[in-house]
């Protein structure tokens, strides 16, 4: 009920954004270091990068949606799903058209995507709880 609740939501977003950034950095490091073939590294880095960019967009859009209502949040989930589907397709086409393997791209993308998805869901749950006044 106090003005401090708004700051708490900002802190929640910042902490989730920091987690997402950490996942992206770890993903990029693994993609750059693990594959032994240079083309596989590039393919994996593209996948991680695309997942990180769509994850950042998703977190910002979900932040806006949570401030509105549940219907807005559900619409954002659909929009982000479509954005990621188009991104994966475009990324795969880009990688394959350059003669690189698709598997490192897919591993890089989905390895980071699953972690980011968990962070996004965690953020939405925390923000919803804060807006409902469910501080513990």
N, C-alpha and C. Protein backbone atom coordinates (compact mmCIF):
# COMPACT_ATOMS: atom_id res chain seq x y z
N UNK A 1 0.80 -1.20 0.00
CA UNK A 1 0.00 0.00 0.00
C UNK A 1 0.84 1.26 0.00
N UNK A 2 2.09 1.12 0.22
CA UNK A 2 2.95 2.29 0.25
C UNK A 2 3.61 2.49 -1.10
N UNK A 3 4.27 3.61 -1.23
CA UNK A 3 4.96 3.92 -2.48
C UNK A 3 6.15 2.99 -2.69
N UNK A 4 6.58 2.33 -1.62
CA UNK A 4 7.73 1.43 -1.74
C UNK A 4 7.43 0.23 -2.63
N UNK A 5 6.16 -0.12 -2.80
CA UNK A 5 5.79 -1.26 -3.65
C UNK A 5 6.22 -1.06 -5.08
N UNK A 6 6.15 0.19 -5.57
CA UNK A 6 6.58 0.47 -6.94
C UNK A 6 8.07 0.25 -7.11
N UNK A 7 8.84 0.65 -6.09
CA UNK A 7 10.27 0.42 -6.14
C UNK A 7 10.60 -1.05 -6.12
N UNK A 8 9.81 -1.81 -5.39
CA UNK A 8 10.01 -3.25 -5.31
C UNK A 8 9.85 -3.89 -6.68
N UNK A 9 8.85 -3.43 -7.45
CA UNK A 9 8.65 -3.95 -8.80
C UNK A 9 9.82 -3.65 -9.71
N UNK A 10 10.39 -2.46 -9.53
CA UNK A 10 11.56 -2.08 -10.31
C UNK A 10 12.74 -2.95 -9.93
N UNK A 11 12.89 -3.20 -8.62
CA UNK A 11 13.97 -4.07 -8.16
C UNK A 11 13.81 -5.48 -8.72
N UNK A 12 12.57 -5.98 -8.75
CA UNK A 12 12.29 -7.30 -9.28
C UNK A 12 12.68 -7.37 -10.76
N UNK A 13 12.31 -6.34 -11.50
CA UNK A 13 12.66 -6.32 -12.92
C UNK A 13 14.17 -6.27 -13.09
N UNK A 14 14.82 -5.41 -12.32
CA UNK A 14 16.28 -5.29 -12.44
C UNK A 14 16.98 -6.60 -12.10
N UNK A 15 16.52 -7.28 -11.06
CA UNK A 15 17.17 -8.54 -10.69
C UNK A 15 16.94 -9.61 -11.75
N UNK A 16 15.75 -9.65 -12.31
CA UNK A 16 15.47 -10.63 -13.38
C UNK A 16 16.23 -10.28 -14.66
N UNK A 17 16.34 -8.98 -14.96
CA UNK A 17 17.11 -8.56 -16.13
C UNK A 17 18.59 -8.90 -15.94
N UNK A 18 19.10 -8.74 -14.72
CA UNK A 18 20.49 -9.10 -14.45
C UNK A 18 20.71 -10.61 -14.61
N UNK A 19 19.75 -11.40 -14.13
CA UNK A 19 19.84 -12.85 -14.32
C UNK A 19 19.86 -13.20 -15.81
N UNK A 20 18.99 -12.55 -16.57
CA UNK A 20 18.93 -12.81 -18.01
C UNK A 20 20.25 -12.41 -18.67
N UNK A 21 20.80 -11.30 -18.26
CA UNK A 21 22.10 -10.89 -18.80
C UNK A 21 23.20 -11.89 -18.46
N UNK A 22 23.16 -12.40 -17.24
CA UNK A 22 24.14 -13.42 -16.85
C UNK A 22 24.01 -14.69 -17.67
N UNK A 23 22.78 -15.10 -17.93
CA UNK A 23 22.55 -16.29 -18.76
C UNK A 23 23.10 -16.05 -20.17
N UNK A 24 22.87 -14.86 -20.70
CA UNK A 24 23.37 -14.54 -22.05
C UNK A 24 24.90 -14.57 -22.09
N UNK A 25 25.55 -14.00 -21.08
CA UNK A 25 27.01 -13.98 -21.04
C UNK A 25 27.57 -15.40 -20.93
N UNK A 26 27.00 -16.20 -20.05
CA UNK A 26 27.46 -17.59 -19.91
C UNK A 26 27.23 -18.36 -21.21
N UNK A 27 26.06 -18.15 -21.83
CA UNK A 27 25.76 -18.82 -23.09
C UNK A 27 26.75 -18.43 -24.19
N UNK A 28 27.05 -17.14 -24.27
CA UNK A 28 28.01 -16.69 -25.29
C UNK A 28 29.40 -17.26 -25.02
N UNK A 29 29.81 -17.31 -23.76
CA UNK A 29 31.12 -17.88 -23.44
C UNK A 29 31.19 -19.35 -23.82
N UNK A 30 30.14 -20.10 -23.48
CA UNK A 30 30.12 -21.52 -23.83
C UNK A 30 30.10 -21.73 -25.34
N UNK A 31 29.32 -20.92 -26.03
CA UNK A 31 29.24 -21.04 -27.49
C UNK A 31 30.57 -20.69 -28.15
N UNK A 32 31.30 -19.75 -27.57
CA UNK A 32 32.57 -19.34 -28.15
C UNK A 32 33.71 -20.29 -27.80
N UNK A 33 33.57 -21.02 -26.71
CA UNK A 33 34.68 -21.87 -26.25
C UNK A 33 34.50 -23.36 -26.51
N UNK A 34 33.28 -23.86 -26.49
CA UNK A 34 33.07 -25.31 -26.55
C UNK A 34 33.25 -25.92 -27.94
N UNK A 35 32.58 -25.43 -28.97
CA UNK A 35 32.74 -26.10 -30.27
C UNK A 35 34.19 -25.99 -30.77
N UNK A 36 34.68 -27.09 -31.31
CA UNK A 36 36.06 -27.10 -31.78
C UNK A 36 36.20 -26.55 -33.19
N UNK A 37 35.15 -26.66 -33.98
CA UNK A 37 35.17 -26.17 -35.35
C UNK A 37 34.69 -24.72 -35.36
N UNK A 38 35.41 -23.85 -36.05
CA UNK A 38 35.10 -22.42 -36.05
C UNK A 38 33.68 -22.15 -36.54
N UNK A 39 33.25 -22.82 -37.60
CA UNK A 39 31.91 -22.61 -38.12
C UNK A 39 30.84 -23.00 -37.10
N UNK A 40 31.12 -24.04 -36.32
CA UNK A 40 30.18 -24.44 -35.28
C UNK A 40 30.10 -23.39 -34.18
N UNK A 41 31.25 -22.78 -33.87
CA UNK A 41 31.26 -21.69 -32.87
C UNK A 41 30.40 -20.53 -33.35
N UNK A 42 30.59 -20.15 -34.60
CA UNK A 42 29.83 -19.03 -35.15
C UNK A 42 28.34 -19.36 -35.13
N UNK A 43 27.98 -20.55 -35.54
CA UNK A 43 26.59 -20.97 -35.55
C UNK A 43 26.00 -20.94 -34.14
N UNK A 44 26.74 -21.45 -33.16
CA UNK A 44 26.26 -21.46 -31.77
C UNK A 44 26.13 -20.04 -31.22
N UNK A 45 27.08 -19.18 -31.54
CA UNK A 45 27.03 -17.78 -31.08
C UNK A 45 25.82 -17.08 -31.67
N UNK A 46 25.51 -17.35 -32.93
CA UNK A 46 24.31 -16.77 -33.55
C UNK A 46 23.06 -17.21 -32.79
N UNK A 47 23.00 -18.50 -32.47
CA UNK A 47 21.85 -19.01 -31.73
C UNK A 47 21.70 -18.36 -30.37
N UNK A 48 22.80 -18.29 -29.63
CA UNK A 48 22.77 -17.67 -28.31
C UNK A 48 22.40 -16.19 -28.42
N UNK A 49 23.00 -15.51 -29.38
CA UNK A 49 22.72 -14.08 -29.56
C UNK A 49 21.26 -13.82 -29.89
N UNK A 50 20.70 -14.63 -30.76
CA UNK A 50 19.29 -14.47 -31.13
C UNK A 50 18.38 -14.75 -29.93
N UNK A 51 18.70 -15.77 -29.16
CA UNK A 51 17.91 -16.06 -27.96
C UNK A 51 18.02 -14.92 -26.95
N UNK A 52 19.21 -14.36 -26.80
CA UNK A 52 19.41 -13.27 -25.85
C UNK A 52 18.64 -12.02 -26.26
N UNK A 53 18.67 -11.70 -27.54
CA UNK A 53 17.95 -10.51 -28.03
C UNK A 53 16.45 -10.69 -27.86
N UNK A 54 15.93 -11.83 -28.26
CA UNK A 54 14.49 -12.05 -28.12
C UNK A 54 14.10 -12.14 -26.65
N UNK A 55 15.00 -12.63 -25.81
CA UNK A 55 14.73 -12.68 -24.38
C UNK A 55 14.67 -11.28 -23.77
N UNK A 56 15.56 -10.40 -24.21
CA UNK A 56 15.52 -9.02 -23.71
C UNK A 56 14.23 -8.32 -24.12
N UNK A 57 13.85 -8.52 -25.38
CA UNK A 57 12.59 -7.93 -25.87
C UNK A 57 11.42 -8.52 -25.08
N UNK A 58 11.44 -9.80 -24.85
CA UNK A 58 10.35 -10.47 -24.12
C UNK A 58 10.22 -9.92 -22.70
N UNK A 59 11.34 -9.75 -22.02
CA UNK A 59 11.28 -9.27 -20.64
C UNK A 59 10.73 -7.85 -20.57
N UNK A 60 11.15 -7.00 -21.50
CA UNK A 60 10.65 -5.62 -21.52
C UNK A 60 9.15 -5.59 -21.85
N UNK A 61 8.73 -6.37 -22.83
CA UNK A 61 7.31 -6.40 -23.19
C UNK A 61 6.47 -6.99 -22.06
N UNK A 62 6.99 -8.00 -21.39
CA UNK A 62 6.24 -8.59 -20.27
C UNK A 62 6.16 -7.60 -19.11
N UNK A 63 7.18 -6.80 -18.93
CA UNK A 63 7.14 -5.77 -17.88
C UNK A 63 5.99 -4.80 -18.15
N UNK A 64 5.88 -4.38 -19.40
CA UNK A 64 4.79 -3.47 -19.77
C UNK A 64 3.43 -4.13 -19.59
N UNK A 65 3.33 -5.38 -20.02
CA UNK A 65 2.05 -6.10 -19.98
C UNK A 65 1.58 -6.35 -18.55
N UNK A 66 2.50 -6.69 -17.66
CA UNK A 66 2.13 -6.98 -16.28
C UNK A 66 1.54 -5.74 -15.61
N UNK A 67 1.95 -4.57 -16.04
CA UNK A 67 1.40 -3.33 -15.49
C UNK A 67 -0.05 -3.13 -15.91
N UNK A 68 -0.48 -3.83 -16.97
CA UNK A 68 -1.85 -3.68 -17.44
C UNK A 68 -2.75 -4.74 -16.81
N UNK A 69 -2.84 -5.90 -17.47
CA UNK A 69 -3.68 -6.97 -16.94
C UNK A 69 -3.25 -8.31 -17.50
N UNK A 70 -3.92 -9.35 -17.09
CA UNK A 70 -3.58 -10.71 -17.52
C UNK A 70 -3.75 -10.89 -19.02
N UNK A 71 -4.77 -10.30 -19.61
CA UNK A 71 -4.98 -10.42 -21.06
C UNK A 71 -3.81 -9.83 -21.83
N UNK A 72 -3.31 -8.70 -21.37
CA UNK A 72 -2.15 -8.08 -22.03
C UNK A 72 -0.94 -8.99 -21.92
N UNK A 73 -0.74 -9.60 -20.76
CA UNK A 73 0.38 -10.51 -20.57
C UNK A 73 0.27 -11.73 -21.50
N UNK A 74 -0.94 -12.25 -21.66
CA UNK A 74 -1.13 -13.40 -22.55
C UNK A 74 -0.89 -13.02 -24.02
N UNK A 75 -1.29 -11.81 -24.40
CA UNK A 75 -1.02 -11.35 -25.76
C UNK A 75 0.47 -11.25 -26.01
N UNK A 76 1.20 -10.75 -25.02
CA UNK A 76 2.66 -10.63 -25.16
C UNK A 76 3.30 -12.00 -25.30
N UNK A 77 2.80 -12.98 -24.56
CA UNK A 77 3.33 -14.34 -24.69
C UNK A 77 3.19 -14.82 -26.13
N UNK A 78 2.03 -14.58 -26.73
CA UNK A 78 1.80 -14.97 -28.13
C UNK A 78 2.70 -14.22 -29.09
N UNK A 79 2.85 -12.92 -28.87
CA UNK A 79 3.70 -12.10 -29.74
C UNK A 79 5.16 -12.56 -29.66
N UNK A 80 5.62 -12.80 -28.45
CA UNK A 80 7.01 -13.23 -28.27
C UNK A 80 7.23 -14.62 -28.86
N UNK A 81 6.25 -15.51 -28.71
CA UNK A 81 6.36 -16.83 -29.32
C UNK A 81 6.54 -16.70 -30.83
N UNK A 82 5.72 -15.86 -31.45
CA UNK A 82 5.82 -15.63 -32.89
C UNK A 82 7.17 -15.02 -33.27
N UNK A 83 7.61 -14.05 -32.48
CA UNK A 83 8.91 -13.41 -32.74
C UNK A 83 10.04 -14.44 -32.67
N UNK A 84 9.98 -15.28 -31.67
CA UNK A 84 11.03 -16.29 -31.53
C UNK A 84 10.96 -17.33 -32.65
N UNK A 85 9.76 -17.71 -33.04
CA UNK A 85 9.62 -18.69 -34.13
C UNK A 85 10.20 -18.13 -35.43
N UNK A 86 9.87 -16.89 -35.73
CA UNK A 86 10.42 -16.24 -36.93
C UNK A 86 11.94 -16.11 -36.80
N UNK A 87 12.40 -15.76 -35.61
CA UNK A 87 13.84 -15.61 -35.39
C UNK A 87 14.59 -16.91 -35.58
N UNK A 88 14.05 -18.00 -35.05
CA UNK A 88 14.70 -19.30 -35.21
C UNK A 88 14.73 -19.70 -36.68
N UNK A 89 13.62 -19.50 -37.37
CA UNK A 89 13.58 -19.84 -38.79
C UNK A 89 14.59 -19.01 -39.58
N UNK A 90 14.60 -17.70 -39.35
CA UNK A 90 15.55 -16.82 -40.06
C UNK A 90 16.99 -17.19 -39.71
N UNK A 91 17.24 -17.46 -38.43
CA UNK A 91 18.59 -17.84 -38.02
C UNK A 91 19.05 -19.14 -38.65
N UNK A 92 18.15 -20.13 -38.66
CA UNK A 92 18.49 -21.40 -39.28
C UNK A 92 18.77 -21.24 -40.77
N UNK A 93 17.93 -20.47 -41.44
CA UNK A 93 18.15 -20.23 -42.87
C UNK A 93 19.49 -19.52 -43.10
N UNK A 94 19.79 -18.56 -42.24
CA UNK A 94 21.06 -17.83 -42.37
C UNK A 94 22.26 -18.73 -42.15
N UNK A 95 22.19 -19.57 -41.15
CA UNK A 95 23.31 -20.46 -40.84
C UNK A 95 23.49 -21.49 -41.94
N UNK A 96 22.40 -22.13 -42.34
CA UNK A 96 22.48 -23.18 -43.36
C UNK A 96 22.90 -22.61 -44.71
N UNK A 97 22.42 -21.42 -45.04
CA UNK A 97 22.78 -20.81 -46.33
C UNK A 97 24.27 -20.47 -46.41
N UNK A 98 24.91 -20.35 -45.27
CA UNK A 98 26.35 -20.08 -45.24
C UNK A 98 27.18 -21.36 -45.08
N UNK A 99 26.50 -22.51 -45.15
CA UNK A 99 27.19 -23.79 -45.09
C UNK A 99 27.58 -24.23 -43.68
N UNK A 100 26.99 -23.60 -42.68
CA UNK A 100 27.30 -23.98 -41.30
C UNK A 100 26.27 -25.00 -40.81
N UNK A 101 26.65 -25.73 -39.77
CA UNK A 101 25.76 -26.75 -39.21
C UNK A 101 24.63 -26.10 -38.42
N UNK A 102 23.46 -26.70 -38.50
CA UNK A 102 22.29 -26.19 -37.79
C UNK A 102 22.27 -26.59 -36.32
N UNK A 103 22.85 -27.73 -35.99
CA UNK A 103 22.78 -28.24 -34.62
C UNK A 103 23.41 -27.28 -33.60
N UNK A 104 24.59 -26.72 -33.85
CA UNK A 104 25.13 -25.77 -32.86
C UNK A 104 24.23 -24.52 -32.69
N UNK A 105 23.63 -24.08 -33.77
CA UNK A 105 22.70 -22.94 -33.67
C UNK A 105 21.52 -23.30 -32.78
N UNK A 106 20.94 -24.45 -33.03
CA UNK A 106 19.78 -24.90 -32.26
C UNK A 106 20.16 -25.10 -30.79
N UNK A 107 21.31 -25.72 -30.55
CA UNK A 107 21.77 -25.94 -29.17
C UNK A 107 22.01 -24.61 -28.46
N UNK A 108 22.64 -23.68 -29.15
CA UNK A 108 22.89 -22.37 -28.56
C UNK A 108 21.60 -21.63 -28.27
N UNK A 109 20.69 -21.62 -29.24
CA UNK A 109 19.43 -20.90 -29.06
C UNK A 109 18.62 -21.50 -27.92
N UNK A 110 18.35 -22.79 -27.99
CA UNK A 110 17.45 -23.39 -27.02
C UNK A 110 18.08 -23.56 -25.64
N UNK A 111 19.40 -23.71 -25.59
CA UNK A 111 20.07 -23.76 -24.30
C UNK A 111 19.84 -22.48 -23.51
N UNK A 112 19.94 -21.34 -24.18
CA UNK A 112 19.71 -20.05 -23.55
C UNK A 112 18.22 -19.77 -23.42
N UNK A 113 17.45 -20.14 -24.42
CA UNK A 113 16.01 -19.88 -24.41
C UNK A 113 15.33 -20.48 -23.18
N UNK A 114 15.64 -21.73 -22.87
CA UNK A 114 14.97 -22.39 -21.74
C UNK A 114 15.28 -21.68 -20.43
N UNK A 115 16.51 -21.27 -20.25
CA UNK A 115 16.86 -20.54 -19.03
C UNK A 115 16.16 -19.18 -19.00
N UNK A 116 16.13 -18.49 -20.13
CA UNK A 116 15.47 -17.19 -20.19
C UNK A 116 13.96 -17.32 -19.99
N UNK A 117 13.38 -18.37 -20.51
CA UNK A 117 11.94 -18.59 -20.34
C UNK A 117 11.62 -18.74 -18.86
N UNK A 118 12.45 -19.47 -18.14
CA UNK A 118 12.25 -19.64 -16.70
C UNK A 118 12.34 -18.28 -16.00
N UNK A 119 13.30 -17.46 -16.38
CA UNK A 119 13.47 -16.14 -15.78
C UNK A 119 12.26 -15.26 -16.09
N UNK A 120 11.77 -15.31 -17.31
CA UNK A 120 10.59 -14.51 -17.71
C UNK A 120 9.36 -14.91 -16.90
N UNK A 121 9.13 -16.21 -16.76
CA UNK A 121 7.99 -16.69 -15.99
C UNK A 121 8.13 -16.28 -14.53
N UNK A 122 9.32 -16.41 -14.00
CA UNK A 122 9.59 -16.00 -12.62
C UNK A 122 9.30 -14.52 -12.43
N UNK A 123 9.72 -13.70 -13.40
CA UNK A 123 9.46 -12.26 -13.31
C UNK A 123 7.96 -11.97 -13.32
N UNK A 124 7.24 -12.57 -14.25
CA UNK A 124 5.79 -12.32 -14.34
C UNK A 124 5.11 -12.73 -13.04
N UNK A 125 5.49 -13.86 -12.49
CA UNK A 125 4.89 -14.30 -11.23
C UNK A 125 5.20 -13.31 -10.10
N UNK A 126 6.45 -12.87 -10.01
CA UNK A 126 6.84 -11.94 -8.96
C UNK A 126 6.13 -10.60 -9.13
N UNK A 127 6.08 -10.10 -10.37
CA UNK A 127 5.43 -8.82 -10.62
C UNK A 127 3.94 -8.89 -10.36
N UNK A 128 3.32 -10.01 -10.71
CA UNK A 128 1.88 -10.18 -10.46
C UNK A 128 1.61 -10.22 -8.97
N UNK A 129 2.47 -10.90 -8.25
CA UNK A 129 2.31 -11.00 -6.80
C UNK A 129 2.47 -9.63 -6.16
N UNK A 130 3.46 -8.86 -6.63
CA UNK A 130 3.70 -7.52 -6.08
C UNK A 130 2.52 -6.59 -6.37
N UNK A 131 1.99 -6.68 -7.58
CA UNK A 131 0.87 -5.79 -7.92
C UNK A 131 -0.41 -6.15 -7.18
N UNK A 132 -0.51 -7.42 -6.75
CA UNK A 132 -1.67 -7.85 -5.98
C UNK A 132 -1.49 -7.57 -4.49
N UNK A 133 -0.32 -7.03 -4.12
CA UNK A 133 -0.07 -6.71 -2.73
C UNK A 133 0.36 -7.90 -1.91
N UNK A 134 0.92 -8.91 -2.58
CA UNK A 134 1.31 -10.14 -1.89
C UNK A 134 2.72 -10.14 -1.40
N UNK A 135 3.20 -9.03 -0.85
CA UNK A 135 4.56 -8.99 -0.31
C UNK A 135 4.66 -9.94 0.86
N UNK A 136 5.76 -10.70 0.92
CA UNK A 136 5.94 -11.63 2.04
C UNK A 136 6.95 -11.08 3.00
